[in-house]
Amino acid sequence: MRDIAVAAVLAALAALPLLSPPDYAMHVLITMVLTALAGTGWAMMGRYGLVSFGHGAFLGAAAYTMAILWNEAGLTPWIGIPAGIVVAILLGMLLGYPAFRLRVVGHYFALVTLAAGEIVRILIVALREHTGGSLGMTPAKAPPGGAFLAMQFDKAGFWWLALAAWALGLLAWRLLDRSMSSKALAAISEDEDAAASIGIRVTREKMKVTVISVALAALAGALTAQYRQYLNPESLAGLGISLQIVFGAIAGGMYAPLGPTIGAVITIGLDEALRIGFGTEFTGGAPLVYGLLLVLFMLFMPRGIAGLFERRAKAPAPAKPAEAPLPASAAR
């Protein structure tokens, strides 16, 4: 029944462009879905205690690889995006393998990923001849009749593409949950030494979930860049986008498949509200609000909004009051 319900929801969402919604509404929805994909990728690691503050690096690595291959080599984004994902995975493995082998865990691992994210952002700025530096870059326009080859669609086309990528992220989550790796990672998050003592290959399991997480985040970054037709190191590789992903996943609930999606609705909605309400008068306001709300969620709602709903759904029904025994005279 659950599979049928999910298929029905996806079909309803896919039919949304047929209702001719406003372009602004479609823009916000596409942004939410791509942000949800990035959050889903982050939560694949985060729910097992592998907290990363540098996932923006993987978004940026994939996005800039795709754009540079298109602008300088004329390689279609249909090939550039997989190539960018491979580059991001290699970067994630280069970062993760020594960290996992050296038992870098907890807040030390978070600091390592934070530093890696900043290194990638600085590298993008330094390679300004290819990336445009801090001014950003724009993918070349498609030649006449080459919109499909250049992956430059209208909003309806990108909505369907983003929806397919989001569904792929949810499928990856489900397959991981049904695998033995999920049990192994849960054991590792509790006690690495105990997990290793019963035969679990700790480094391999961590690397496996890291590759999945990085691939989903990289896919989200590349599609976001292709949709916006503009790349900037601050919005695709900096601390701001990493913090937005972390906040969305934690606020929505990183232990539930739809938790990061709920968080994406909150973060993008908040971002749009601040932009419309304050314009340029509150520059940097969104990261500030994300940080404050992140602290509040971690203190008072560590399982996020989805966790709150799950707890209410699992709450036992109140017991019926026991009937009072009949008096002896009535029993006769």
Protein backbone atom coordinates (compact mmCIF):
# COMPACT_ATOMS: atom_id res chain seq x y z
CA MET A 1 0.00 0.00 0.00
CA ARG A 2 2.82 2.40 0.81
CA ASP A 3 4.40 1.87 -2.63
CA ILE A 4 1.07 2.59 -4.31
CA ALA A 5 0.65 5.77 -2.26
CA VAL A 6 4.16 6.97 -3.16
CA ALA A 7 3.56 6.24 -6.86
CA ALA A 8 0.27 8.17 -6.72
CA VAL A 9 1.96 11.17 -5.09
CA LEU A 10 4.75 11.18 -7.68
CA ALA A 11 2.20 10.96 -10.50
CA ALA A 12 0.25 13.88 -9.03
CA LEU A 13 3.41 15.97 -8.70
CA ALA A 14 4.48 15.10 -12.24
CA ALA A 15 1.13 16.36 -13.54
CA LEU A 16 1.55 19.72 -11.78
CA PRO A 17 2.86 21.63 -14.87
CA LEU A 18 -0.29 20.65 -16.74
CA LEU A 19 -2.20 23.02 -14.42
CA SER A 20 -0.12 25.96 -15.71
CA PRO A 21 1.02 27.31 -12.31
CA PRO A 22 2.84 30.68 -12.19
CA ASP A 23 6.51 30.64 -13.14
CA TYR A 24 7.51 31.90 -9.70
CA ALA A 25 5.67 29.03 -8.00
CA MET A 26 7.39 26.52 -10.30
CA HIS A 27 10.76 28.14 -9.58
CA VAL A 28 10.27 27.81 -5.82
CA LEU A 29 9.07 24.20 -6.14
CA ILE A 30 12.03 23.18 -8.32
CA THR A 31 14.42 24.80 -5.85
CA MET A 32 12.73 22.99 -2.96
CA VAL A 33 12.97 19.59 -4.68
CA LEU A 34 16.65 20.02 -5.56
CA THR A 35 17.41 21.22 -2.02
CA ALA A 36 15.50 18.19 -0.69
CA LEU A 37 17.71 15.92 -2.81
CA ALA A 38 20.86 17.49 -1.36
CA GLY A 39 19.42 17.16 2.16
CA THR A 40 18.51 13.52 1.55
CA GLY A 41 22.10 12.87 0.51
CA TRP A 42 23.44 14.60 3.63
CA ALA A 43 21.07 12.69 5.92
CA MET A 44 22.29 9.36 4.51
CA MET A 45 25.49 10.06 6.47
CA GLY A 46 24.16 12.29 9.23
CA ARG A 47 21.70 9.78 10.66
CA TYR A 48 24.61 7.42 11.35
CA GLY A 49 26.64 10.02 13.22
CA LEU A 50 28.79 11.13 10.25
CA VAL A 51 28.06 14.84 10.49
CA SER A 52 29.46 16.82 7.56
CA PHE A 53 29.69 20.60 7.33
CA GLY A 54 31.35 20.49 3.92
CA HIS A 55 28.75 18.98 1.60
CA GLY A 56 28.74 22.23 -0.32
CA ALA A 57 32.14 21.15 -1.66
CA PHE A 58 30.58 18.18 -3.42
CA LEU A 59 27.80 20.29 -4.91
CA GLY A 60 30.36 22.76 -6.20
CA ALA A 61 32.77 20.14 -7.53
CA ALA A 62 30.05 18.48 -9.62
CA ALA A 63 28.50 21.75 -10.80
CA TYR A 64 31.75 23.38 -11.92
CA THR A 65 33.02 20.19 -13.55
CA MET A 66 29.84 20.01 -15.62
CA ALA A 67 29.94 23.70 -16.57
CA ILE A 68 33.63 23.71 -17.50
CA LEU A 69 33.24 20.60 -19.66
CA TRP A 70 30.33 22.27 -21.48
CA ASN A 71 31.92 25.70 -21.90
CA GLU A 72 35.46 24.62 -22.78
CA ALA A 73 35.06 21.19 -24.35
CA GLY A 74 31.49 21.33 -25.66
CA LEU A 75 30.64 18.17 -23.73
CA THR A 76 26.89 17.88 -23.15
CA PRO A 77 25.68 18.11 -19.53
CA TRP A 78 24.13 14.67 -20.00
CA ILE A 79 27.73 13.45 -19.83
CA GLY A 80 29.10 16.35 -17.78
CA ILE A 81 26.80 15.69 -14.82
CA PRO A 82 27.89 12.03 -14.40
CA ALA A 83 31.50 13.19 -14.82
CA GLY A 84 30.97 15.83 -12.12
CA ILE A 85 29.44 13.22 -9.80
CA VAL A 86 32.51 11.01 -10.31
CA VAL A 87 34.79 13.95 -9.45
CA ALA A 88 32.75 14.65 -6.30
CA ILE A 89 32.87 10.97 -5.29
CA LEU A 90 36.64 10.90 -5.72
CA LEU A 91 36.87 14.02 -3.58
CA GLY A 92 34.65 12.42 -0.94
CA MET A 93 36.77 9.26 -0.93
CA LEU A 94 39.96 11.29 -0.70
CA LEU A 95 38.53 13.05 2.34
CA GLY A 96 36.73 10.10 3.93
CA TYR A 97 39.19 7.24 3.65
CA PRO A 98 42.01 8.72 5.77
CA ALA A 99 39.49 10.16 8.22
CA PHE A 100 37.84 6.77 8.71
CA ARG A 101 41.13 4.88 8.87
CA LEU A 102 42.49 7.28 11.48
CA ARG A 103 39.24 7.08 13.48
CA VAL A 104 38.40 10.77 13.11
CA VAL A 105 34.89 10.93 14.52
CA GLY A 106 32.38 13.31 16.09
CA HIS A 107 33.14 17.01 16.06
CA TYR A 108 36.65 16.36 14.69
CA PHE A 109 35.13 14.81 11.56
CA ALA A 110 32.75 17.77 11.27
CA LEU A 111 35.71 20.18 11.42
CA VAL A 112 37.60 18.20 8.77
CA THR A 113 34.65 18.42 6.38
CA LEU A 114 34.22 22.12 7.15
CA ALA A 115 37.86 22.75 6.21
CA ALA A 116 37.48 20.68 3.03
CA GLY A 117 34.46 22.72 1.97
CA GLU A 118 36.38 25.96 2.37
CA ILE A 119 39.36 24.55 0.47
CA VAL A 120 37.13 23.73 -2.51
CA ARG A 121 35.54 27.19 -2.40
CA ILE A 122 38.95 28.90 -2.33
CA LEU A 123 40.17 26.66 -5.16
CA ILE A 124 37.17 27.65 -7.29
CA VAL A 125 37.92 31.32 -6.67
CA ALA A 126 41.62 30.81 -7.46
CA LEU A 127 40.89 29.14 -10.81
CA ARG A 128 39.15 32.27 -12.06
CA GLU A 129 40.30 31.80 -15.66
CA HIS A 130 38.06 28.73 -15.87
CA THR A 131 35.48 29.30 -13.12
CA GLY A 132 35.02 33.07 -13.21
CA GLY A 133 36.29 33.32 -9.65
CA SER A 134 34.14 35.12 -7.11
CA LEU A 135 32.11 36.70 -9.93
CA GLY A 136 30.80 33.29 -10.96
CA MET A 137 30.26 31.83 -14.40
CA THR A 138 27.41 31.21 -16.82
CA PRO A 139 27.06 28.06 -18.93
CA ALA A 140 27.11 28.75 -22.67
CA LYS A 141 23.73 29.07 -24.32
CA ALA A 142 22.46 26.17 -26.36
CA PRO A 143 22.84 26.41 -30.14
CA PRO A 144 19.62 26.66 -32.17
CA GLY A 145 17.70 23.42 -31.80
CA GLY A 146 20.15 22.09 -29.21
CA ALA A 147 18.19 22.75 -26.01
CA PHE A 148 17.92 19.05 -25.18
CA LEU A 149 21.61 18.42 -25.81
CA ALA A 150 22.50 21.42 -23.62
CA MET A 151 19.93 20.37 -20.98
CA GLN A 152 18.42 23.86 -21.06
CA PHE A 153 14.71 23.24 -20.58
CA ASP A 154 11.76 25.33 -19.56
CA LYS A 155 10.46 25.10 -16.01
CA ALA A 156 8.18 22.15 -16.77
CA GLY A 157 11.09 20.15 -18.17
CA PHE A 158 13.29 20.92 -15.19
CA TRP A 159 10.45 20.09 -12.81
CA TRP A 160 10.23 16.59 -14.26
CA LEU A 161 14.00 16.20 -14.18
CA ALA A 162 14.24 17.39 -10.57
CA LEU A 163 11.33 15.16 -9.56
CA ALA A 164 13.03 12.11 -11.08
CA ALA A 165 16.27 12.92 -9.23
CA TRP A 166 14.36 13.37 -5.94
CA ALA A 167 12.62 10.01 -6.44
CA LEU A 168 16.04 8.45 -7.07
CA GLY A 169 17.22 9.83 -3.72
CA LEU A 170 14.24 8.33 -1.90
CA LEU A 171 14.86 5.00 -3.64
CA ALA A 172 18.50 5.04 -2.52
CA TRP A 173 17.33 5.71 1.05
CA ARG A 174 14.93 2.77 0.94
CA LEU A 175 17.47 0.38 -0.57
CA LEU A 176 19.99 1.32 2.12
CA ASP A 177 17.40 0.79 4.84
CA ARG A 178 16.66 -2.70 3.51
CA SER A 179 20.32 -3.69 3.26
CA MET A 180 22.59 -5.18 5.88
CA SER A 181 24.73 -2.04 5.64
CA SER A 182 22.02 -0.15 7.51
CA LYS A 183 22.33 -2.52 10.48
CA ALA A 184 26.11 -2.38 10.30
CA LEU A 185 26.17 1.42 10.22
CA ALA A 186 23.77 1.60 13.16
CA ALA A 187 26.11 -0.66 15.14
CA ILE A 188 29.13 1.42 14.11
CA SER A 189 27.43 4.63 15.23
CA GLU A 190 26.89 3.10 18.67
CA ASP A 191 30.38 1.65 19.21
CA GLU A 192 33.00 1.20 16.49
CA ASP A 193 35.15 -1.20 18.52
CA ALA A 194 32.21 -3.44 19.35
CA ALA A 195 31.09 -3.41 15.71
CA ALA A 196 34.58 -4.34 14.51
CA SER A 197 34.79 -7.14 17.09
CA ILE A 198 31.78 -8.92 15.56
CA GLY A 199 33.20 -8.78 12.04
CA ILE A 200 31.82 -5.51 10.65
CA ARG A 201 34.28 -3.83 8.28
CA VAL A 202 33.94 -0.34 9.67
CA THR A 203 35.90 1.63 7.06
CA ARG A 204 34.21 -0.11 4.13
CA GLU A 205 30.70 0.51 5.46
CA LYS A 206 31.48 4.16 6.15
CA MET A 207 32.95 4.59 2.70
CA LYS A 208 29.91 2.97 1.13
CA VAL A 209 27.43 5.38 2.71
CA THR A 210 29.77 8.31 2.01
CA VAL A 211 29.80 7.51 -1.72
CA ILE A 212 25.99 7.35 -1.79
CA SER A 213 25.66 10.59 0.16
CA VAL A 214 28.19 12.45 -1.98
CA ALA A 215 26.65 11.21 -5.24
CA LEU A 216 23.18 12.47 -4.31
CA ALA A 217 24.52 15.84 -3.13
CA ALA A 218 26.61 16.18 -6.31
CA LEU A 219 23.60 15.40 -8.49
CA ALA A 220 21.63 18.10 -6.69
CA GLY A 221 24.43 20.62 -7.15
CA ALA A 222 24.87 19.95 -10.86
CA LEU A 223 21.14 20.12 -11.56
CA THR A 224 20.81 23.31 -9.51
CA ALA A 225 23.59 24.98 -11.50
CA GLN A 226 22.09 23.85 -14.78
CA TYR A 227 18.66 25.10 -13.76
CA ARG A 228 19.88 28.51 -12.59
CA GLN A 229 22.30 28.88 -15.52
CA TYR A 230 24.68 30.59 -13.11
CA LEU A 231 27.40 29.25 -10.81
CA ASN A 232 28.85 31.10 -7.85
CA PRO A 233 31.29 29.71 -5.25
CA GLU A 234 29.33 31.20 -2.36
CA SER A 235 25.99 29.69 -3.37
CA LEU A 236 27.30 26.32 -4.56
CA ALA A 237 30.44 25.56 -2.55
CA GLY A 238 30.61 27.82 0.48
CA LEU A 239 29.68 27.41 4.10
CA GLY A 240 26.27 29.01 3.50
CA ILE A 241 24.94 26.24 1.27
CA SER A 242 26.42 23.57 3.57
CA LEU A 243 24.70 25.14 6.56
CA GLN A 244 21.42 25.35 4.64
CA ILE A 245 21.60 21.62 3.84
CA VAL A 246 22.40 20.69 7.45
CA PHE A 247 19.64 22.88 8.84
CA GLY A 248 17.05 21.52 6.42
CA ALA A 249 17.89 17.89 7.16
CA ILE A 250 17.90 18.36 10.94
CA ALA A 251 14.82 20.58 11.06
CA GLY A 252 12.81 18.26 8.85
CA GLY A 253 14.12 15.10 10.49
CA MET A 254 17.20 13.28 9.24
CA TYR A 255 15.95 9.89 10.43
CA ALA A 256 12.86 9.84 8.20
CA PRO A 257 12.93 9.52 4.38
CA LEU A 258 10.77 12.62 3.88
CA GLY A 259 12.41 14.58 6.71
CA PRO A 260 14.93 16.41 4.47
CA THR A 261 12.10 17.26 2.07
CA ILE A 262 10.12 18.84 4.90
CA GLY A 263 13.28 20.72 5.87
CA ALA A 264 13.78 21.93 2.30
CA VAL A 265 10.27 23.38 2.26
CA ILE A 266 11.08 25.23 5.50
CA THR A 267 14.50 26.54 4.40
CA ILE A 268 13.49 27.69 0.92
CA GLY A 269 10.27 29.16 2.27
CA LEU A 270 12.23 31.02 4.93
CA ASP A 271 14.79 32.18 2.39
CA GLU A 272 12.10 33.52 0.06
CA ALA A 273 10.24 35.19 2.93
CA LEU A 274 13.41 36.99 4.08
CA ARG A 275 14.26 38.02 0.53
CA ILE A 276 10.78 39.40 -0.14
CA GLY A 277 10.40 40.96 3.30
CA PHE A 278 13.82 42.58 3.69
CA GLY A 279 15.38 42.61 0.22
CA THR A 280 19.04 43.59 0.43
CA GLU A 281 18.64 45.28 3.82
CA PHE A 282 19.21 42.00 5.69
CA THR A 283 22.22 40.62 3.81
CA GLY A 284 23.40 37.39 5.40
CA GLY A 285 20.16 37.13 7.34
CA ALA A 286 19.28 33.65 6.08
CA PRO A 287 22.48 31.95 7.39
CA LEU A 288 22.04 33.77 10.70
CA VAL A 289 18.46 32.52 11.05
CA TYR A 290 19.50 29.02 9.95
CA GLY A 291 22.17 28.92 12.65
CA LEU A 292 19.85 30.09 15.41
CA LEU A 293 17.06 27.71 14.41
CA LEU A 294 19.56 24.85 14.07
CA VAL A 295 20.58 25.29 17.71
CA LEU A 296 16.94 25.35 18.81
CA PHE A 297 16.03 22.24 16.83
CA MET A 298 19.03 20.32 18.15
CA LEU A 299 18.11 21.24 21.72
CA PHE A 300 14.35 20.76 21.69
CA MET A 301 13.51 18.68 18.58
CA PRO A 302 16.57 16.52 17.78
CA ARG A 303 14.53 14.22 15.52
CA GLY A 304 13.00 17.13 13.61
CA ILE A 305 9.44 17.71 12.51
CA ALA A 306 9.11 14.28 10.88
CA GLY A 307 10.25 12.69 14.14
CA LEU A 308 7.56 14.61 16.00
CA PHE A 309 4.89 13.20 13.68
CA GLU A 310 6.31 9.69 14.00
CA ARG A 311 6.27 9.89 17.80
CA ARG A 312 2.65 11.01 17.81
CA ALA A 313 1.69 8.23 15.38
CA LYS A 314 3.36 5.61 17.57
CA ALA A 315 1.96 6.93 20.84
CA PRO A 316 -0.13 4.21 22.54
CA ALA A 317 -3.85 4.80 22.76
CA PRO A 318 -5.08 5.73 26.25
CA ALA A 319 -6.17 2.68 28.20
CA LYS A 320 -9.87 2.27 28.77
CA PRO A 321 -10.89 2.67 32.43
CA ALA A 322 -11.57 -0.64 34.11
CA GLU A 323 -15.22 -1.33 34.81
CA ALA A 324 -16.15 -1.22 38.49
CA PRO A 325 -17.16 -4.64 39.91
CA LEU A 326 -20.85 -5.13 40.55
CA PRO A 327 -21.95 -5.11 44.22
CA ALA A 328 -22.77 -8.49 45.73
CA SER A 329 -26.51 -7.75 45.92
CA ALA A 330 -26.63 -6.92 42.22
CA ALA A 331 -24.67 -10.05 41.36
CA ARG A 332 -27.45 -12.13 43.00
